Amino acid sequence: MSNSMIFGPAAGRLASWPLSRMAMVAVLAILLAGCSVGGVSSDSSLDATPVPTLQPTPTPVARLGAVIWTTALDETGGPTENLASIRRDAAAIYAVVPVESVTAGETLTAQWSIDGTPIDAIGSTVTIDEASESGWGSFALTWEGETLWPVGTLGIAISASSGVTATGEVQIEST
């Protein structure tokens, strides 16, 4: 028989339990009571400090200005003049675009046309060697021989690898 005394209505039922079993019930009751201590309700959320999501550094997107037509370039690669029409006997025709925020490796691709018909044989691509805040992108057509440029509308569509485009047209006129 044990030295413990139990009083109250449960005394008859618990009196037959060994002390070790009652100790285990008491420990479990304390543990369960400890789980609900602290005033936390079951539907409350934990206050956690949000971790900021790392965002990749945006790559600048090249900007292309309006196409400028000229027959010569200056020392910066820019146009020497802005022509509304070009004579049939010009030795060279340049389509020049101001370019801003280009990164090294960016490509500019030109597709030429005459009177709206693409001239697939003379498409060209230029690759930017160094990143630059501003500069010029130019594409040239040269004509050699006795014949002259055909009269009509010369067009160009320039697209950058970053997705921006510029288009322009110029009239080739009789001399």
C-alpha atoms as a PDB file:
ATOM      1  CA  MET A   1       0.000   0.000   0.000  1.00  0.00           C
ATOM      2  CA  SER A   2       1.217   3.482  -0.713  1.00  0.00           C
ATOM      3  CA  ASN A   3       1.564   6.449   1.611  1.00  0.00           C
ATOM      4  CA  SER A   4      -0.502   8.794  -0.561  1.00  0.00           C
ATOM      5  CA  MET A   5      -4.017   9.853   0.335  1.00  0.00           C
ATOM      6  CA  ILE A   6      -6.655  10.862  -2.169  1.00  0.00           C
ATOM      7  CA  PHE A   7      -9.765  12.738  -1.078  1.00  0.00           C
ATOM      8  CA  GLY A   8     -12.964  13.681  -2.889  1.00  0.00           C
ATOM      9  CA  PRO A   9     -15.349  11.882  -5.269  1.00  0.00           C
ATOM     10  CA  ALA A  10     -12.502  10.402  -7.278  1.00  0.00           C
ATOM     11  CA  ALA A  11     -10.939   8.894  -4.181  1.00  0.00           C
ATOM     12  CA  GLY A  12     -12.630   5.550  -4.669  1.00  0.00           C
ATOM     13  CA  ARG A  13     -11.635   5.162  -8.304  1.00  0.00           C
ATOM     14  CA  LEU A  14      -8.106   6.507  -8.020  1.00  0.00           C
ATOM     15  CA  ALA A  15      -7.247   4.724  -4.802  1.00  0.00           C
ATOM     16  CA  SER A  16      -6.566   1.548  -6.700  1.00  0.00           C
ATOM     17  CA  TRP A  17      -4.099   3.227  -9.109  1.00  0.00           C
ATOM     18  CA  PRO A  18      -0.442   2.817  -8.292  1.00  0.00           C
ATOM     19  CA  LEU A  19       1.462   6.005  -7.507  1.00  0.00           C
ATOM     20  CA  SER A  20       3.578   5.780 -10.701  1.00  0.00           C
ATOM     21  CA  ARG A  21       0.461   5.777 -12.861  1.00  0.00           C
ATOM     22  CA  MET A  22      -0.920   8.808 -11.055  1.00  0.00           C
ATOM     23  CA  ALA A  23       2.426  10.568 -11.444  1.00  0.00           C
ATOM     24  CA  MET A  24       2.337   9.912 -15.175  1.00  0.00           C
ATOM     25  CA  VAL A  25      -1.222  11.300 -15.433  1.00  0.00           C
ATOM     26  CA  ALA A  26      -0.135  14.389 -13.488  1.00  0.00           C
ATOM     27  CA  VAL A  27       2.870  14.946 -15.787  1.00  0.00           C
ATOM     28  CA  LEU A  28       0.672  14.595 -18.891  1.00  0.00           C
ATOM     29  CA  ALA A  29      -1.883  17.015 -17.434  1.00  0.00           C
ATOM     30  CA  ILE A  30       0.871  19.559 -16.760  1.00  0.00           C
ATOM     31  CA  LEU A  31       2.279  19.130 -20.267  1.00  0.00           C
ATOM     32  CA  LEU A  32      -1.132  19.558 -21.868  1.00  0.00           C
ATOM     33  CA  ALA A  33      -1.860  22.588 -19.717  1.00  0.00           C
ATOM     34  CA  GLY A  34       1.511  24.042 -20.728  1.00  0.00           C
ATOM     35  CA  CYS A  35       0.546  23.764 -24.385  1.00  0.00           C
ATOM     36  CA  SER A  36      -2.312  26.182 -23.906  1.00  0.00           C
ATOM     37  CA  VAL A  37      -0.462  28.663 -21.695  1.00  0.00           C
ATOM     38  CA  GLY A  38       0.464  31.987 -23.289  1.00  0.00           C
ATOM     39  CA  GLY A  39      -2.839  33.322 -24.554  1.00  0.00           C
ATOM     40  CA  VAL A  40      -2.250  32.296 -28.181  1.00  0.00           C
ATOM     41  CA  SER A  41      -5.448  31.437 -29.943  1.00  0.00           C
ATOM     42  CA  SER A  42      -5.467  28.707 -32.529  1.00  0.00           C
ATOM     43  CA  ASP A  43      -6.373  31.088 -35.375  1.00  0.00           C
ATOM     44  CA  SER A  44      -3.664  33.676 -34.757  1.00  0.00           C
ATOM     45  CA  SER A  45      -0.766  33.895 -37.131  1.00  0.00           C
ATOM     46  CA  LEU A  46       2.842  34.202 -36.167  1.00  0.00           C
ATOM     47  CA  ASP A  47       4.404  37.620 -36.478  1.00  0.00           C
ATOM     48  CA  ALA A  48       7.279  36.943 -38.855  1.00  0.00           C
ATOM     49  CA  THR A  49       9.585  39.450 -40.436  1.00  0.00           C
ATOM     50  CA  PRO A  50       9.124  39.178 -44.196  1.00  0.00           C
ATOM     51  CA  VAL A  51      12.253  38.400 -46.170  1.00  0.00           C
ATOM     52  CA  PRO A  52      12.560  40.725 -49.158  1.00  0.00           C
ATOM     53  CA  THR A  53      12.594  38.993 -52.512  1.00  0.00           C
ATOM     54  CA  LEU A  54      15.779  39.565 -54.451  1.00  0.00           C
ATOM     55  CA  GLN A  55      15.056  41.268 -57.743  1.00  0.00           C
ATOM     56  CA  PRO A  56      17.466  40.952 -60.654  1.00  0.00           C
ATOM     57  CA  THR A  57      19.103  44.159 -61.768  1.00  0.00           C
ATOM     58  CA  PRO A  58      17.131  45.263 -64.819  1.00  0.00           C
ATOM     59  CA  THR A  59      19.045  45.330 -68.055  1.00  0.00           C
ATOM     60  CA  PRO A  60      18.659  48.696 -69.725  1.00  0.00           C
ATOM     61  CA  VAL A  61      16.615  48.531 -72.894  1.00  0.00           C
ATOM     62  CA  ALA A  62      18.144  50.262 -75.880  1.00  0.00           C
ATOM     63  CA  ARG A  63      16.229  53.192 -77.309  1.00  0.00           C
ATOM     64  CA  LEU A  64      16.302  53.990 -81.016  1.00  0.00           C
ATOM     65  CA  GLY A  65      15.449  57.442 -82.337  1.00  0.00           C
ATOM     66  CA  ALA A  66      13.996  58.364 -85.717  1.00  0.00           C
ATOM     67  CA  VAL A  67      15.864  57.262 -88.843  1.00  0.00           C
ATOM     68  CA  ILE A  68      17.927  60.063 -90.402  1.00  0.00           C
ATOM     69  CA  TRP A  69      18.914  59.795 -94.072  1.00  0.00           C
ATOM     70  CA  THR A  70      22.238  61.170 -95.274  1.00  0.00           C
ATOM     71  CA  THR A  71      24.958  60.630 -97.878  1.00  0.00           C
ATOM     72  CA  ALA A  72      27.909  61.081 -95.479  1.00  0.00           C
ATOM     73  CA  LEU A  73      28.861  60.543 -91.818  1.00  0.00           C
ATOM     74  CA  ASP A  74      30.859  62.805 -89.500  1.00  0.00           C
ATOM     75  CA  GLU A  75      33.735  61.700 -87.217  1.00  0.00           C
ATOM     76  CA  THR A  76      31.273  60.508 -84.523  1.00  0.00           C
ATOM     77  CA  GLY A  77      29.422  58.270 -86.977  1.00  0.00           C
ATOM     78  CA  GLY A  78      26.472  60.663 -87.007  1.00  0.00           C
ATOM     79  CA  PRO A  79      24.821  62.121 -90.105  1.00  0.00           C
ATOM     80  CA  THR A  80      26.286  65.225 -91.758  1.00  0.00           C
ATOM     81  CA  GLU A  81      22.783  66.235 -92.899  1.00  0.00           C
ATOM     82  CA  ASN A  82      19.159  65.127 -92.629  1.00  0.00           C
ATOM     83  CA  LEU A  83      17.840  64.575 -96.156  1.00  0.00           C
ATOM     84  CA  ALA A  84      14.188  64.308 -97.192  1.00  0.00           C
ATOM     85  CA  SER A  85      15.235  62.909-100.577  1.00  0.00           C
ATOM     86  CA  ILE A  86      18.408  61.549-102.134  1.00  0.00           C
ATOM     87  CA  ARG A  87      19.657  61.994-105.693  1.00  0.00           C
ATOM     88  CA  ARG A  88      20.041  58.911-107.900  1.00  0.00           C
ATOM     89  CA  ASP A  89      23.736  59.622-108.438  1.00  0.00           C
ATOM     90  CA  ALA A  90      24.706  59.516-104.719  1.00  0.00           C
ATOM     91  CA  ALA A  91      27.696  57.228-104.113  1.00  0.00           C
ATOM     92  CA  ALA A  92      26.339  56.081-100.731  1.00  0.00           C
ATOM     93  CA  ILE A  93      23.100  56.251 -98.777  1.00  0.00           C
ATOM     94  CA  TYR A  94      23.170  56.019 -94.973  1.00  0.00           C
ATOM     95  CA  ALA A  95      20.272  55.279 -92.662  1.00  0.00           C
ATOM     96  CA  VAL A  96      21.365  56.525 -89.227  1.00  0.00           C
ATOM     97  CA  VAL A  97      19.551  56.204 -85.886  1.00  0.00           C
ATOM     98  CA  PRO A  98      20.423  57.818 -82.571  1.00  0.00           C
ATOM     99  CA  VAL A  99      20.881  55.012 -80.032  1.00  0.00           C
ATOM    100  CA  GLU A 100      20.645  55.346 -76.241  1.00  0.00           C
ATOM    101  CA  SER A 101      21.293  52.948 -73.332  1.00  0.00           C
ATOM    102  CA  VAL A 102      22.875  50.156 -75.338  1.00  0.00           C
ATOM    103  CA  THR A 103      24.739  47.293 -73.728  1.00  0.00           C
ATOM    104  CA  ALA A 104      27.763  45.492 -75.120  1.00  0.00           C
ATOM    105  CA  GLY A 105      26.633  42.650 -77.350  1.00  0.00           C
ATOM    106  CA  GLU A 106      23.350  44.291 -78.377  1.00  0.00           C
ATOM    107  CA  THR A 107      22.686  43.786 -82.078  1.00  0.00           C
ATOM    108  CA  LEU A 108      20.969  46.067 -84.563  1.00  0.00           C
ATOM    109  CA  THR A 109      19.563  44.388 -87.655  1.00  0.00           C
ATOM    110  CA  ALA A 110      18.453  46.220 -90.800  1.00  0.00           C
ATOM    111  CA  GLN A 111      15.989  45.067 -93.417  1.00  0.00           C
ATOM    112  CA  TRP A 112      15.954  47.249 -96.544  1.00  0.00           C
ATOM    113  CA  SER A 113      13.087  47.652 -99.016  1.00  0.00           C
ATOM    114  CA  ILE A 114      12.413  49.489-102.275  1.00  0.00           C
ATOM    115  CA  ASP A 115       8.851  50.628-102.944  1.00  0.00           C
ATOM    116  CA  GLY A 116       7.681  48.340-100.102  1.00  0.00           C
ATOM    117  CA  THR A 117       9.345  45.194-101.480  1.00  0.00           C
ATOM    118  CA  PRO A 118      11.973  43.699 -99.127  1.00  0.00           C
ATOM    119  CA  ILE A 119      15.502  43.458-100.501  1.00  0.00           C
ATOM    120  CA  ASP A 120      16.638  40.271 -98.768  1.00  0.00           C
ATOM    121  CA  ALA A 121      20.086  40.239-100.348  1.00  0.00           C
ATOM    122  CA  ILE A 122      21.222  43.368 -98.503  1.00  0.00           C
ATOM    123  CA  GLY A 123      20.037  42.843 -94.926  1.00  0.00           C
ATOM    124  CA  SER A 124      22.776  43.501 -92.379  1.00  0.00           C
ATOM    125  CA  THR A 125      23.504  43.224 -88.650  1.00  0.00           C
ATOM    126  CA  VAL A 126      25.769  45.331 -86.443  1.00  0.00           C
ATOM    127  CA  THR A 127      26.938  44.252 -82.966  1.00  0.00           C
ATOM    128  CA  ILE A 128      27.610  46.903 -80.306  1.00  0.00           C
ATOM    129  CA  ASP A 129      31.141  46.432 -78.905  1.00  0.00           C
ATOM    130  CA  GLU A 130      30.870  48.608 -75.787  1.00  0.00           C
ATOM    131  CA  ALA A 131      27.978  49.733 -73.602  1.00  0.00           C
ATOM    132  CA  SER A 132      27.100  53.360 -74.206  1.00  0.00           C
ATOM    133  CA  GLU A 133      24.603  55.933 -72.984  1.00  0.00           C
ATOM    134  CA  SER A 134      24.313  57.459 -76.458  1.00  0.00           C
ATOM    135  CA  GLY A 135      25.696  57.121 -79.952  1.00  0.00           C
ATOM    136  CA  TRP A 136      24.767  56.366 -83.538  1.00  0.00           C
ATOM    137  CA  GLY A 137      23.808  53.210 -85.365  1.00  0.00           C
ATOM    138  CA  SER A 138      24.288  53.429 -89.115  1.00  0.00           C
ATOM    139  CA  PHE A 139      23.649  51.236 -92.124  1.00  0.00           C
ATOM    140  CA  ALA A 140      24.994  52.010 -95.584  1.00  0.00           C
ATOM    141  CA  LEU A 141      24.200  51.159 -99.156  1.00  0.00           C
ATOM    142  CA  THR A 142      26.836  51.934-101.755  1.00  0.00           C
ATOM    143  CA  TRP A 143      26.374  51.982-105.497  1.00  0.00           C
ATOM    144  CA  GLU A 144      29.166  51.383-107.959  1.00  0.00           C
ATOM    145  CA  GLY A 145      29.109  51.329-111.700  1.00  0.00           C
ATOM    146  CA  GLU A 146      27.580  53.290-114.508  1.00  0.00           C
ATOM    147  CA  THR A 147      23.935  52.843-113.556  1.00  0.00           C
ATOM    148  CA  LEU A 148      22.170  55.006-110.977  1.00  0.00           C
ATOM    149  CA  TRP A 149      19.979  54.213-107.977  1.00  0.00           C
ATOM    150  CA  PRO A 150      16.460  53.290-109.061  1.00  0.00           C
ATOM    151  CA  VAL A 151      13.866  56.034-108.576  1.00  0.00           C
ATOM    152  CA  GLY A 152      11.421  55.141-105.801  1.00  0.00           C
ATOM    153  CA  THR A 153      11.010  54.902-102.052  1.00  0.00           C
ATOM    154  CA  LEU A 154      13.909  53.343-100.155  1.00  0.00           C
ATOM    155  CA  GLY A 155      12.883  51.992 -96.759  1.00  0.00           C
ATOM    156  CA  ILE A 156      14.587  50.476 -93.755  1.00  0.00           C
ATOM    157  CA  ALA A 157      13.370  48.639 -90.654  1.00  0.00           C
ATOM    158  CA  ILE A 158      15.960  48.521 -87.858  1.00  0.00           C
ATOM    159  CA  SER A 159      15.415  46.222 -84.890  1.00  0.00           C
ATOM    160  CA  ALA A 160      17.510  45.861 -81.751  1.00  0.00           C
ATOM    161  CA  SER A 161      17.998  42.503 -80.051  1.00  0.00           C
ATOM    162  CA  SER A 162      16.254  44.008 -76.997  1.00  0.00           C
ATOM    163  CA  GLY A 163      13.078  44.307 -79.089  1.00  0.00           C
ATOM    164  CA  VAL A 164      12.876  47.998 -80.000  1.00  0.00           C
ATOM    165  CA  THR A 165      12.494  49.057 -83.634  1.00  0.00           C
ATOM    166  CA  ALA A 166      12.812  52.117 -85.858  1.00  0.00           C
ATOM    167  CA  THR A 167      11.640  52.498 -89.439  1.00  0.00           C
ATOM    168  CA  GLY A 168      12.144  55.134 -92.082  1.00  0.00           C
ATOM    169  CA  GLU A 169      11.758  55.901 -95.776  1.00  0.00           C
ATOM    170  CA  VAL A 170      13.432  58.293 -98.189  1.00  0.00           C
ATOM    171  CA  GLN A 171      12.670  59.206-101.796  1.00  0.00           C
ATOM    172  CA  ILE A 172      15.320  58.541-104.418  1.00  0.00           C
ATOM    173  CA  GLU A 173      14.824  61.204-107.060  1.00  0.00           C
ATOM    174  CA  SER A 174      15.994  61.736-110.625  1.00  0.00           C
ATOM    175  CA  THR A 175      19.047  63.929-111.092  1.00  0.00           C
END
